[in-house]
Amino acid sequence: MRASVIGSGSFGTALANVLAVNCEQVGLWGRDAALADAINTRHENSGYLPGIPISSRVRATTRLEEALEGAELVVLATPSHATREVVSHALPHLPKHAPIVTVAKGIENETLLTMTELLEDCLPEEHHPYIAVLSGPSFAKELAQRMPTVVTIASHWEKVAVRCQKALQTETFRSYTSNDVVGVQYGGALKNVIAIAAGIADGLGMGNNARAAIITRGLAEITRLAVRKGGNPLTLSGLSGMGDLVLTCTGELSRNRHVGMELGRGRALQEILGDMKQVAEGVKTAKSARDLSRKVGVELPICDQVYAIAYEGKSARAAVVELMTRQPKSELV
């Protein structure tokens, strides 16, 4: 079997390493020629995963047609805001009848589309049945180090999810299938916004009680929106919901939590992002969440405050006070 991964950042490279266990060759596309050369010659992604060996079956390239040639499975691992552009360039080279798995956890700002909706928007209908999404608690570094990782793969067509599941099954990587494409994606995208909120609380030194409250009430917000959009509430108690939320809100490797911690310490967003090599998806998703909540009439108070802090310069302490002094209500309403 031959697979392709589009996006040579940390997660794309880590997944290419997983696929290399079961595939004869894995094409890995990225824009950086020097990085591709390092992967091919030294078998290391020194820019994103320094010191972690990359399988010799992974072949990196800056040419999309080369990366996609003969692929029987395609993984899209570009950041959500770059996915539409990259897919448009990849389209002439995409193989027919091959699963196309998106791993980006975001919602497009301009259209408010999830990643599978975005793919359906810019790919011909013949590709639509083969679209899938992979999500769950999975830091790229630990994945690349072959630490045990468990995720969810969702597709409207079960056969596609099962094909992806088999290709990715290893001794240290396990996946469960689902048909709840909506719930899996809203869990994966919005947990990044809640992780920024958890980081803000940590940056302010507000303690474990506050973090637990943010995780719990954050899950309630994610579930409300996912259900309104047609998702299954049970999905949000699983790997792509609670599992990913807990990891991102508490893990030291979480980019979104890091952004929140620095915001809580008083740093400006652009300064924080300028110091980061990798993308914190929750920053852009905070805007999408705010816009979606207004469009569909679902309250997302934590997400709204993250947006206000990140984009409107609101004081983090003032946001906490506003959350705490909202009108009292029943927990299950």
Protein backbone atom coordinates (compact mmCIF):
# COMPACT_ATOMS: atom_id res chain seq x y z
CA MET A 1 0.00 0.00 0.00
CA ARG A 2 1.09 3.57 -0.69
CA ALA A 3 -0.19 6.54 1.30
CA SER A 4 0.29 10.29 1.11
CA VAL A 5 0.36 12.96 3.80
CA ILE A 6 -0.12 16.58 2.74
CA GLY A 7 1.55 18.77 5.35
CA SER A 8 5.00 18.15 6.82
CA GLY A 9 4.47 19.82 10.17
CA SER A 10 4.66 17.92 13.43
CA PHE A 11 1.34 16.07 13.20
CA GLY A 12 1.60 15.28 9.49
CA THR A 13 5.10 13.88 9.94
CA ALA A 14 4.05 11.87 13.01
CA LEU A 15 1.13 10.33 11.09
CA ALA A 16 3.40 9.55 8.15
CA ASN A 17 5.57 7.62 10.59
CA VAL A 18 2.51 5.68 11.77
CA LEU A 19 1.42 4.90 8.21
CA ALA A 20 4.94 3.70 7.38
CA VAL A 21 4.37 0.69 9.62
CA ASN A 22 1.79 -0.75 7.22
CA CYS A 23 2.69 1.00 3.94
CA GLU A 24 5.54 0.33 1.54
CA GLN A 25 5.95 4.05 0.96
CA VAL A 26 4.46 7.24 2.37
CA GLY A 27 4.72 10.43 0.35
CA LEU A 28 5.02 13.52 2.55
CA TRP A 29 4.43 16.96 1.04
CA GLY A 30 5.62 20.26 2.46
CA ARG A 31 6.68 23.67 1.18
CA ASP A 32 10.16 23.67 2.77
CA ALA A 33 12.74 22.05 0.47
CA ALA A 34 15.44 21.99 3.15
CA LEU A 35 13.11 20.22 5.55
CA ALA A 36 12.15 17.66 2.90
CA ASP A 37 15.82 17.00 2.19
CA ALA A 38 16.54 16.48 5.91
CA ILE A 39 13.69 13.96 6.18
CA ASN A 40 14.97 12.04 3.14
CA THR A 41 18.65 12.06 4.02
CA ARG A 42 18.80 12.16 7.81
CA HIS A 43 15.34 10.68 8.48
CA GLU A 44 14.52 13.46 10.91
CA ASN A 45 12.13 16.41 10.82
CA SER A 46 14.53 18.72 12.62
CA GLY A 47 12.19 21.69 12.31
CA TYR A 48 9.21 20.16 14.12
CA LEU A 49 10.24 16.84 15.69
CA PRO A 50 13.96 17.11 16.41
CA GLY A 51 15.69 13.98 17.59
CA ILE A 52 12.84 11.62 16.65
CA PRO A 53 13.67 9.07 13.91
CA ILE A 54 11.47 9.10 10.81
CA SER A 55 10.95 5.85 8.90
CA SER A 56 12.97 5.40 5.72
CA ARG A 57 9.66 4.52 4.05
CA VAL A 58 8.62 8.19 4.35
CA ARG A 59 9.63 10.12 1.24
CA ALA A 60 9.31 13.91 1.51
CA THR A 61 8.84 16.23 -1.45
CA THR A 62 7.79 19.79 -2.29
CA ARG A 63 5.85 18.58 -5.36
CA LEU A 64 2.22 17.65 -4.78
CA GLU A 65 2.06 15.42 -7.83
CA GLU A 66 5.00 13.37 -6.55
CA ALA A 67 3.58 13.07 -3.04
CA LEU A 68 0.18 11.92 -4.34
CA GLU A 69 1.34 9.56 -7.08
CA GLY A 70 -0.24 6.13 -6.64
CA ALA A 71 -1.72 6.97 -3.23
CA GLU A 72 -4.39 4.65 -1.85
CA LEU A 73 -4.96 6.87 1.20
CA VAL A 74 -4.51 10.64 1.52
CA VAL A 75 -4.13 12.49 4.82
CA LEU A 76 -4.61 16.26 4.81
CA ALA A 77 -2.52 17.68 7.65
CA THR A 78 -2.28 21.35 6.73
CA PRO A 79 -3.61 24.01 9.15
CA SER A 80 -7.31 24.68 8.70
CA HIS A 81 -6.81 28.17 7.25
CA ALA A 82 -4.50 26.76 4.52
CA THR A 83 -6.56 23.69 3.62
CA ARG A 84 -8.70 25.25 0.88
CA GLU A 85 -5.68 26.65 -0.97
CA VAL A 86 -3.64 23.45 -0.74
CA VAL A 87 -6.55 21.24 -1.80
CA SER A 88 -7.17 23.41 -4.85
CA HIS A 89 -3.55 22.84 -5.95
CA ALA A 90 -3.72 19.12 -5.10
CA LEU A 91 -7.02 18.48 -6.89
CA PRO A 92 -5.58 17.56 -10.33
CA HIS A 93 -3.41 14.91 -8.66
CA LEU A 94 -5.85 13.43 -6.14
CA PRO A 95 -6.45 9.73 -6.77
CA LYS A 96 -10.01 8.56 -7.32
CA HIS A 97 -11.67 6.21 -4.81
CA ALA A 98 -8.98 6.82 -2.17
CA PRO A 99 -10.00 7.92 1.34
CA ILE A 100 -9.19 11.57 2.01
CA VAL A 101 -8.71 12.08 5.75
CA THR A 102 -8.55 15.55 7.24
CA VAL A 103 -6.81 15.96 10.60
CA ALA A 104 -7.05 19.77 10.86
CA LYS A 105 -9.06 20.86 13.90
CA GLY A 106 -10.63 24.12 12.86
CA ILE A 107 -13.62 25.92 11.35
CA GLU A 108 -13.03 28.19 8.36
CA ASN A 109 -13.47 31.82 9.43
CA GLU A 110 -15.06 33.15 6.26
CA THR A 111 -17.59 30.37 5.62
CA LEU A 112 -17.96 28.78 9.09
CA LEU A 113 -17.53 25.38 7.40
CA THR A 114 -15.96 22.41 9.15
CA MET A 115 -13.06 20.77 7.32
CA THR A 116 -15.17 18.00 5.76
CA GLU A 117 -17.72 20.60 4.64
CA LEU A 118 -14.86 22.63 3.18
CA LEU A 119 -13.63 19.57 1.28
CA GLU A 120 -17.11 18.91 -0.07
CA ASP A 121 -17.22 22.56 -1.12
CA CYS A 122 -14.03 22.45 -3.17
CA LEU A 123 -13.82 18.84 -4.38
CA PRO A 124 -15.91 17.21 -7.15
CA GLU A 125 -18.78 15.01 -5.95
CA GLU A 126 -16.94 11.83 -6.93
CA HIS A 127 -14.59 12.43 -3.97
CA HIS A 128 -17.30 13.18 -1.38
CA PRO A 129 -18.05 9.59 -0.27
CA TYR A 130 -14.36 9.08 0.50
CA ILE A 131 -13.96 12.03 2.89
CA ALA A 132 -13.17 11.25 6.53
CA VAL A 133 -11.89 13.00 9.63
CA LEU A 134 -9.42 11.85 12.30
CA SER A 135 -9.55 13.46 15.74
CA GLY A 136 -8.81 12.71 19.36
CA PRO A 137 -6.22 13.22 22.12
CA SER A 138 -2.98 13.04 20.17
CA PHE A 139 0.03 15.26 20.74
CA ALA A 140 2.28 14.94 17.70
CA LYS A 141 5.49 14.51 19.71
CA GLU A 142 4.14 11.57 21.70
CA LEU A 143 2.64 10.06 18.55
CA ALA A 144 6.01 10.29 16.79
CA GLN A 145 7.72 8.74 19.81
CA ARG A 146 5.35 5.76 19.45
CA MET A 147 3.65 6.36 22.78
CA PRO A 148 0.17 4.76 23.01
CA THR A 149 -2.39 6.97 21.26
CA VAL A 150 -6.10 6.37 20.63
CA VAL A 151 -8.29 8.46 18.28
CA THR A 152 -11.58 8.44 16.38
CA ILE A 153 -11.98 8.22 12.59
CA ALA A 154 -15.37 9.38 11.32
CA SER A 155 -16.92 9.08 7.89
CA HIS A 156 -20.45 9.02 6.50
CA TRP A 157 -19.46 5.79 4.73
CA GLU A 158 -18.37 3.15 7.25
CA LYS A 159 -16.27 1.33 4.65
CA VAL A 160 -14.04 4.38 4.32
CA ALA A 161 -13.54 4.73 8.09
CA VAL A 162 -12.66 1.04 8.34
CA ARG A 163 -10.11 1.32 5.50
CA CYS A 164 -8.42 4.19 7.31
CA GLN A 165 -8.57 2.32 10.61
CA LYS A 166 -6.78 -0.69 9.14
CA ALA A 167 -4.07 1.41 7.50
CA LEU A 168 -3.29 3.20 10.77
CA GLN A 169 -3.50 0.28 13.20
CA THR A 170 -0.17 -0.37 14.96
CA GLU A 171 1.01 -1.60 18.36
CA THR A 172 0.94 1.98 19.66
CA PHE A 173 -1.79 3.63 17.55
CA ARG A 174 -5.42 2.58 17.83
CA SER A 175 -8.54 4.13 16.32
CA TYR A 176 -12.29 3.70 16.70
CA THR A 177 -14.72 4.35 13.85
CA SER A 178 -17.75 6.65 13.94
CA ASN A 179 -20.37 7.99 11.55
CA ASP A 180 -20.76 11.23 13.53
CA VAL A 181 -18.67 13.44 11.28
CA VAL A 182 -20.28 16.56 12.73
CA GLY A 183 -19.75 15.79 16.41
CA VAL A 184 -16.16 14.63 15.96
CA GLN A 185 -15.24 17.86 14.18
CA TYR A 186 -16.92 20.28 16.56
CA GLY A 187 -15.29 18.49 19.48
CA GLY A 188 -11.88 18.74 17.85
CA ALA A 189 -12.21 22.38 16.83
CA LEU A 190 -13.86 23.99 19.85
CA LYS A 191 -11.74 22.19 22.46
CA ASN A 192 -8.86 24.40 21.26
CA VAL A 193 -10.79 27.53 22.24
CA ILE A 194 -11.60 26.08 25.66
CA ALA A 195 -7.91 25.17 26.05
CA ILE A 196 -7.02 28.83 25.55
CA ALA A 197 -9.49 29.67 28.34
CA ALA A 198 -7.92 27.03 30.60
CA GLY A 199 -4.50 28.47 29.84
CA ILE A 200 -5.70 31.97 30.68
CA ALA A 201 -6.89 30.74 34.06
CA ASP A 202 -3.53 29.06 34.65
CA GLY A 203 -1.69 32.19 33.57
CA LEU A 204 -3.72 34.17 36.09
CA GLY A 205 -2.88 31.61 38.80
CA MET A 206 -6.51 30.73 39.42
CA GLY A 207 -5.89 27.13 40.47
CA ASN A 208 -7.24 23.67 39.83
CA ASN A 209 -10.88 24.42 40.70
CA ALA A 210 -11.06 27.00 37.94
CA ARG A 211 -9.44 24.70 35.38
CA ALA A 212 -11.87 21.88 36.20
CA ALA A 213 -14.81 24.26 35.87
CA ILE A 214 -13.60 25.51 32.49
CA ILE A 215 -13.17 21.97 31.17
CA THR A 216 -16.62 20.92 32.38
CA ARG A 217 -18.54 23.99 31.29
CA GLY A 218 -16.49 24.13 28.11
CA LEU A 219 -17.66 20.64 27.25
CA ALA A 220 -21.24 21.80 27.80
CA GLU A 221 -20.70 24.62 25.29
CA ILE A 222 -19.13 22.30 22.71
CA THR A 223 -21.95 19.80 23.10
CA ARG A 224 -24.67 22.46 22.74
CA LEU A 225 -23.23 23.69 19.47
CA ALA A 226 -22.44 20.23 18.08
CA VAL A 227 -25.97 18.98 18.82
CA ARG A 228 -27.50 22.09 17.23
CA LYS A 229 -25.47 21.32 14.10
CA GLY A 230 -26.64 17.70 14.06
CA GLY A 231 -24.00 15.92 16.12
CA ASN A 232 -24.58 13.09 18.61
CA PRO A 233 -24.12 14.24 22.23
CA LEU A 234 -22.53 10.87 23.10
CA THR A 235 -19.66 11.66 20.71
CA LEU A 236 -18.66 14.56 22.92
CA SER A 237 -18.15 12.24 25.88
CA GLY A 238 -15.69 10.22 23.82
CA LEU A 239 -12.17 10.56 22.47
CA SER A 240 -12.83 13.45 20.11
CA GLY A 241 -14.76 15.34 22.80
CA MET A 242 -13.85 14.93 26.46
CA GLY A 243 -10.66 13.01 25.68
CA ASP A 244 -9.16 15.68 23.44
CA LEU A 245 -10.49 18.47 25.65
CA VAL A 246 -8.79 17.17 28.80
CA LEU A 247 -5.49 16.64 27.00
CA THR A 248 -5.43 20.08 25.41
CA CYS A 249 -6.50 21.89 28.57
CA THR A 250 -3.93 20.21 30.82
CA GLY A 251 -1.00 18.95 28.71
CA GLU A 252 2.31 20.75 28.75
CA LEU A 253 2.65 20.23 24.98
CA SER A 254 -0.62 22.06 24.22
CA ARG A 255 -0.04 25.06 21.94
CA ASN A 256 -3.49 26.48 22.66
CA ARG A 257 -3.04 26.25 26.42
CA HIS A 258 0.32 27.99 25.99
CA VAL A 259 -1.33 30.87 24.12
CA GLY A 260 -3.88 31.18 26.92
CA MET A 261 -1.26 31.15 29.65
CA GLU A 262 0.63 33.98 27.95
CA LEU A 263 -2.58 35.96 27.47
CA GLY A 264 -3.32 35.47 31.18
CA ARG A 265 0.12 36.85 31.98
CA GLY A 266 -0.71 40.00 30.04
CA ARG A 267 1.13 39.49 26.76
CA ALA A 268 -0.41 40.64 23.47
CA LEU A 269 -1.70 37.96 21.11
CA GLN A 270 0.45 38.95 18.14
CA GLU A 271 3.57 38.93 20.29
CA ILE A 272 2.72 35.42 21.53
CA LEU A 273 2.04 34.09 18.03
CA GLY A 274 5.22 35.71 16.72
CA ASP A 275 7.27 33.56 19.07
CA MET A 276 5.58 30.31 17.97
CA LYS A 277 6.73 28.08 15.12
CA GLN A 278 3.53 26.03 15.00
CA VAL A 279 -0.12 27.03 14.61
CA ALA A 280 -2.49 27.30 17.59
CA GLU A 281 -5.78 26.53 15.82
CA GLY A 282 -7.89 27.85 18.69
CA VAL A 283 -6.98 31.46 17.92
CA LYS A 284 -8.78 31.48 14.58
CA THR A 285 -11.47 29.09 15.81
CA ALA A 286 -12.37 31.55 18.59
CA LYS A 287 -13.63 33.91 15.87
CA SER A 288 -15.53 31.14 14.10
CA ALA A 289 -17.09 30.04 17.40
CA ARG A 290 -18.24 33.58 18.19
CA ASP A 291 -19.75 33.97 14.72
CA LEU A 292 -21.38 30.54 14.79
CA SER A 293 -22.94 31.12 18.21
CA ARG A 294 -24.61 34.25 16.88
CA LYS A 295 -25.68 32.59 13.63
CA VAL A 296 -27.36 29.54 15.18
CA GLY A 297 -28.43 31.09 18.51
CA VAL A 298 -26.36 28.94 20.88
CA GLU A 299 -24.76 30.49 23.96
CA LEU A 300 -20.98 29.99 24.18
CA PRO A 301 -19.97 32.26 27.08
CA ILE A 302 -16.44 30.88 27.54
CA CYS A 303 -15.69 31.00 23.82
CA ASP A 304 -17.09 34.53 23.65
CA GLN A 305 -14.75 35.71 26.41
CA VAL A 306 -11.74 34.09 24.71
CA TYR A 307 -12.63 35.99 21.55
CA ALA A 308 -12.95 39.25 23.49
CA ILE A 309 -9.57 38.77 25.18
CA ALA A 310 -7.76 37.72 22.01
CA TYR A 311 -9.31 40.10 19.49
CA GLU A 312 -10.74 43.03 21.45
CA GLY A 313 -8.08 43.48 24.12
CA LYS A 314 -10.41 42.69 26.99
CA SER A 315 -8.80 42.20 30.38
CA ALA A 316 -8.54 38.52 31.28
CA ARG A 317 -9.51 39.23 34.89
CA ALA A 318 -12.54 41.24 33.76
CA ALA A 319 -13.60 38.31 31.56
CA VAL A 320 -13.41 35.92 34.53
CA VAL A 321 -15.53 38.24 36.67
CA GLU A 322 -18.09 38.53 33.89
CA LEU A 323 -18.31 34.74 33.57
CA MET A 324 -18.67 34.25 37.31
CA THR A 325 -21.37 36.88 37.74
CA ARG A 326 -23.65 35.81 34.90
CA GLN A 327 -27.31 35.23 35.68
CA PRO A 328 -27.64 32.08 37.88
CA LYS A 329 -29.20 29.09 36.10
CA SER A 330 -29.70 25.35 36.27
CA GLU A 331 -26.66 23.31 35.25
CA LEU A 332 -28.53 21.17 32.75
CA VAL A 333 -30.37 23.96 30.92
